[in-house]
Amino acid sequence: MKRLLAALFVLSPVAVPAAQAESPTLIELFASQNCRACPKAHKTLKAVDEARDDVLILTWSVDYWDYLGGKDPMAMGESKERQRAYVDRFRLRGPYTPQTVYNGVEQCPGNKPGKVESAISKARKETPEGVRLVRKGDGVELSGKAAGLTDIWYVDYLDGADNTTDMVHPVTRVTALGPWLGGRTSVTLPPCDSHCAVIVQEAGFGPVLATLPLDPGPLSPLPEK
């Protein structure tokens, strides 16, 4: 099954505009260990992760299905808060799992491979351009124009040997690094426990303007070029 899913995404060509190639499409999956449809979503997104290098997948675990089984050890209050904001933005009746959100501009069930592929393509076309996020020493440099108040998020997630779950990049911590109103600014980053990413997103969990996955391990100054 995994090979079939991977083949689906490998054989479906996706044009990646040069302006967006530096920033991967952010795919956020909202899931729970007590969700019956979530295992298929994990398999679907794992196939996407293996087949593409232009996306960053993060899995946010929620706790509102805990009454159906045991307590989800990966669930965080921030996950539920983030999803509820998307529910309002997309004018949904309520939160559901497995929901996937693409750069904050598209959403669909994460256990539907065809819809996932379509949402990735649509998100790339709808995402605003012009924001640049680059690694600079022990932090990042952010530049470009912002339409309004913008949030900078720092997300810790598990990957590789650190990830013993069946989820793709389960989130373990999220930190708000402050607002941004446009222009050029440098932000010093906290230590990274496993793998981390910086997300620049319009306030109110709006469109994602830039995403930068960081190398695992402690941050250290990079050599000058």
Protein backbone atom coordinates (compact mmCIF):
# COMPACT_ATOMS: atom_id res chain seq x y z
CA MET A 1 0.00 0.00 0.00
CA LYS A 2 2.82 2.41 0.90
CA ARG A 3 4.48 1.84 -2.47
CA LEU A 4 1.23 2.49 -4.30
CA LEU A 5 0.70 5.75 -2.43
CA ALA A 6 4.27 6.85 -3.06
CA ALA A 7 3.89 6.06 -6.74
CA LEU A 8 0.77 8.20 -6.92
CA PHE A 9 2.68 11.28 -5.86
CA VAL A 10 5.84 10.46 -7.83
CA LEU A 11 3.90 10.03 -11.06
CA SER A 12 1.89 13.21 -10.56
CA PRO A 13 4.11 16.07 -11.78
CA VAL A 14 3.88 19.32 -9.88
CA ALA A 15 5.37 22.52 -11.24
CA VAL A 16 7.30 24.34 -8.52
CA PRO A 17 7.76 28.06 -9.25
CA ALA A 18 11.34 29.20 -8.68
CA ALA A 19 10.20 31.92 -6.29
CA GLN A 20 8.65 29.32 -4.00
CA ALA A 21 11.24 26.56 -4.32
CA GLU A 22 13.19 27.79 -1.27
CA SER A 23 10.17 27.58 1.04
CA PRO A 24 8.41 24.21 1.26
CA THR A 25 4.65 23.96 1.36
CA LEU A 26 3.60 23.49 4.98
CA ILE A 27 1.20 20.58 5.45
CA GLU A 28 -0.36 20.36 8.91
CA LEU A 29 -2.19 17.20 9.94
CA PHE A 30 -4.52 17.27 12.95
CA ALA A 31 -4.84 13.75 14.31
CA SER A 32 -5.44 11.59 17.37
CA GLN A 33 -4.45 8.08 18.41
CA ASN A 34 -8.17 7.48 19.02
CA CYS A 35 -9.15 8.47 15.47
CA ARG A 36 -10.03 5.46 13.30
CA ALA A 37 -9.36 7.26 10.01
CA CYS A 38 -6.00 8.68 11.10
CA PRO A 39 -3.78 5.64 10.34
CA LYS A 40 -4.62 5.98 6.64
CA ALA A 41 -3.81 9.69 6.83
CA HIS A 42 -0.42 8.90 8.39
CA LYS A 43 0.31 6.44 5.55
CA THR A 44 -0.84 8.93 2.92
CA LEU A 45 1.34 11.73 4.26
CA LYS A 46 4.30 9.42 4.80
CA ALA A 47 4.11 8.60 1.09
CA VAL A 48 4.02 12.32 0.29
CA ASP A 49 7.01 12.94 2.55
CA GLU A 50 9.01 10.16 0.88
CA ALA A 51 8.10 11.23 -2.65
CA ARG A 52 8.57 15.00 -2.41
CA ASP A 53 11.22 17.39 -1.14
CA ASP A 54 9.12 20.54 -1.52
CA VAL A 55 6.85 20.02 1.50
CA LEU A 56 7.19 20.05 5.28
CA ILE A 57 4.64 17.89 7.09
CA LEU A 58 3.83 18.49 10.76
CA THR A 59 1.41 16.37 12.79
CA TRP A 60 -0.49 18.13 15.57
CA SER A 61 -2.13 15.73 18.04
CA VAL A 62 -5.44 16.78 19.60
CA ASP A 63 -7.12 15.49 22.76
CA TYR A 64 -10.85 15.84 22.04
CA TRP A 65 -11.12 12.14 21.13
CA ASP A 66 -9.52 10.96 24.39
CA TYR A 67 -12.93 9.87 25.72
CA LEU A 68 -12.99 7.14 23.04
CA GLY A 69 -9.86 5.46 24.36
CA GLY A 70 -6.69 6.24 26.25
CA LYS A 71 -5.16 9.66 26.74
CA ASP A 72 -3.14 10.72 23.69
CA PRO A 73 0.40 11.31 25.01
CA MET A 74 1.31 13.59 22.09
CA ALA A 75 -1.71 15.90 22.41
CA MET A 76 -1.08 19.56 23.19
CA GLY A 77 -3.43 22.42 23.98
CA GLU A 78 -1.72 24.44 21.25
CA SER A 79 -2.81 21.85 18.68
CA LYS A 80 -6.48 22.30 19.55
CA GLU A 81 -6.15 26.09 19.58
CA ARG A 82 -4.49 26.09 16.17
CA GLN A 83 -7.10 23.81 14.64
CA ARG A 84 -10.02 25.81 16.03
CA ALA A 85 -8.59 28.91 14.38
CA TYR A 86 -8.54 27.04 11.06
CA VAL A 87 -12.12 25.88 11.63
CA ASP A 88 -13.17 29.53 11.83
CA ARG A 89 -11.01 30.56 8.88
CA PHE A 90 -12.41 27.86 6.60
CA ARG A 91 -15.94 28.28 8.01
CA LEU A 92 -16.26 24.65 9.00
CA ARG A 93 -18.93 23.33 11.35
CA GLY A 94 -16.31 22.10 13.77
CA PRO A 95 -12.92 20.43 14.11
CA TYR A 96 -12.37 16.96 12.68
CA THR A 97 -9.64 14.40 12.23
CA PRO A 98 -7.75 13.69 10.11
CA GLN A 99 -7.77 17.28 8.84
CA THR A 100 -4.89 18.62 6.77
CA VAL A 101 -4.17 22.31 6.17
CA TYR A 102 -1.87 23.56 3.40
CA ASN A 103 0.03 26.82 3.91
CA GLY A 104 -3.01 28.05 5.82
CA VAL A 105 -4.99 28.51 2.59
CA GLU A 106 -6.40 25.06 1.74
CA GLN A 107 -7.76 22.17 3.79
CA CYS A 108 -9.05 18.65 3.18
CA PRO A 109 -9.27 15.20 4.83
CA GLY A 110 -5.76 13.78 5.13
CA ASN A 111 -6.84 10.22 4.33
CA LYS A 112 -7.81 11.09 0.73
CA PRO A 113 -4.65 10.89 -1.46
CA GLY A 114 -6.26 12.56 -4.46
CA LYS A 115 -7.54 15.49 -2.42
CA VAL A 116 -4.18 15.83 -0.68
CA GLU A 117 -2.35 16.11 -4.00
CA SER A 118 -4.87 18.65 -5.31
CA ALA A 119 -4.62 20.74 -2.13
CA ILE A 120 -0.82 20.91 -2.40
CA SER A 121 -1.08 22.23 -5.95
CA LYS A 122 -3.76 24.78 -5.04
CA ALA A 123 -1.86 25.99 -1.97
CA ARG A 124 1.24 26.76 -4.03
CA LYS A 125 -0.79 28.92 -6.38
CA GLU A 126 -2.61 30.75 -3.58
CA THR A 127 0.29 31.39 -1.20
CA PRO A 128 1.53 35.02 -1.19
CA GLU A 129 5.09 35.50 -2.41
CA GLY A 130 7.87 37.91 -1.52
CA VAL A 131 8.86 36.83 2.01
CA ARG A 132 12.36 35.43 2.43
CA LEU A 133 13.55 33.40 5.42
CA VAL A 134 17.21 32.32 5.65
CA ARG A 135 19.46 30.80 8.29
CA LYS A 136 22.01 33.23 9.77
CA GLY A 137 24.33 31.89 12.46
CA ASP A 138 22.32 31.05 15.59
CA GLY A 139 19.15 32.55 14.19
CA VAL A 140 17.27 33.45 11.04
CA GLU A 141 16.93 36.56 8.92
CA LEU A 142 13.47 37.52 7.74
CA SER A 143 12.84 40.01 4.95
CA GLY A 144 10.03 41.10 2.67
CA LYS A 145 6.66 42.79 2.87
CA ALA A 146 3.81 41.89 5.19
CA ALA A 147 0.18 42.78 4.52
CA GLY A 148 -0.35 43.25 8.25
CA LEU A 149 0.58 41.80 11.61
CA THR A 150 2.44 38.52 11.12
CA ASP A 151 3.47 35.83 13.61
CA ILE A 152 6.78 33.98 13.76
CA TRP A 153 6.46 30.42 15.12
CA TYR A 154 9.24 28.08 16.20
CA VAL A 155 8.15 24.43 16.10
CA ASP A 156 9.94 21.39 17.55
CA TYR A 157 9.08 18.02 16.01
CA LEU A 158 10.35 14.44 16.00
CA ASP A 159 12.04 12.86 13.01
CA GLY A 160 14.39 10.00 12.22
CA ALA A 161 15.40 7.83 15.17
CA ASP A 162 13.72 10.28 17.55
CA ASN A 163 10.32 9.54 16.03
CA THR A 164 9.06 6.19 17.33
CA THR A 165 5.45 6.86 16.29
CA ASP A 166 3.67 6.12 13.00
CA MET A 167 3.12 9.86 12.50
CA VAL A 168 5.08 12.13 10.19
CA HIS A 169 6.96 14.73 12.24
CA PRO A 170 4.79 14.85 15.38
CA VAL A 171 5.00 18.27 17.01
CA THR A 172 6.32 18.35 20.57
CA ARG A 173 6.54 22.08 21.24
CA VAL A 174 5.64 25.39 19.64
CA THR A 175 7.02 28.79 20.64
CA ALA A 176 5.90 32.25 19.55
CA LEU A 177 8.98 34.28 18.62
CA GLY A 178 7.09 37.52 18.27
CA PRO A 179 5.25 39.61 15.70
CA TRP A 180 6.62 40.91 12.41
CA LEU A 181 5.38 43.88 10.40
CA GLY A 182 7.61 43.53 7.37
CA GLY A 183 11.10 44.69 6.47
CA ARG A 184 14.38 43.04 7.38
CA THR A 185 14.89 41.61 10.85
CA SER A 186 17.02 38.99 12.60
CA VAL A 187 15.62 36.55 15.15
CA THR A 188 17.71 34.50 17.59
CA LEU A 189 16.38 30.96 17.95
CA PRO A 190 16.06 28.80 21.09
CA PRO A 191 17.85 25.42 21.24
CA CYS A 192 16.32 22.69 19.09
CA ASP A 193 15.58 19.40 20.89
CA SER A 194 15.23 17.16 17.83
CA HIS A 195 14.19 18.83 14.57
CA CYS A 196 12.79 22.34 14.26
CA ALA A 197 11.23 24.73 11.78
CA VAL A 198 10.46 28.43 11.63
CA ILE A 199 7.03 29.38 10.27
CA VAL A 200 6.06 32.91 9.23
CA GLN A 201 2.27 33.20 9.17
CA GLU A 202 -0.23 36.02 8.95
CA ALA A 203 -1.75 36.71 12.37
CA GLY A 204 -4.86 34.76 13.29
CA PHE A 205 -3.44 31.60 11.68
CA GLY A 206 -3.76 33.02 8.18
CA PRO A 207 -1.69 32.22 5.08
CA VAL A 208 1.80 30.85 5.70
CA LEU A 209 4.29 33.22 4.06
CA ALA A 210 7.49 31.23 4.58
CA THR A 211 8.68 28.00 6.20
CA LEU A 212 12.26 27.04 7.02
CA PRO A 213 13.16 23.56 8.33
CA LEU A 214 16.37 23.63 10.38
CA ASP A 215 19.12 21.07 10.75
CA PRO A 216 18.75 18.86 13.85
CA GLY A 217 20.81 19.39 16.97
CA PRO A 218 21.95 22.53 18.78
CA LEU A 219 22.11 25.68 16.73
CA SER A 220 25.60 26.95 16.09
CA PRO A 221 26.99 29.83 14.02
CA LEU A 222 27.44 29.02 10.35
CA PRO A 223 30.72 29.93 8.62
CA GLU A 224 30.74 33.21 6.75
CA LYS A 225 30.64 32.89 2.97
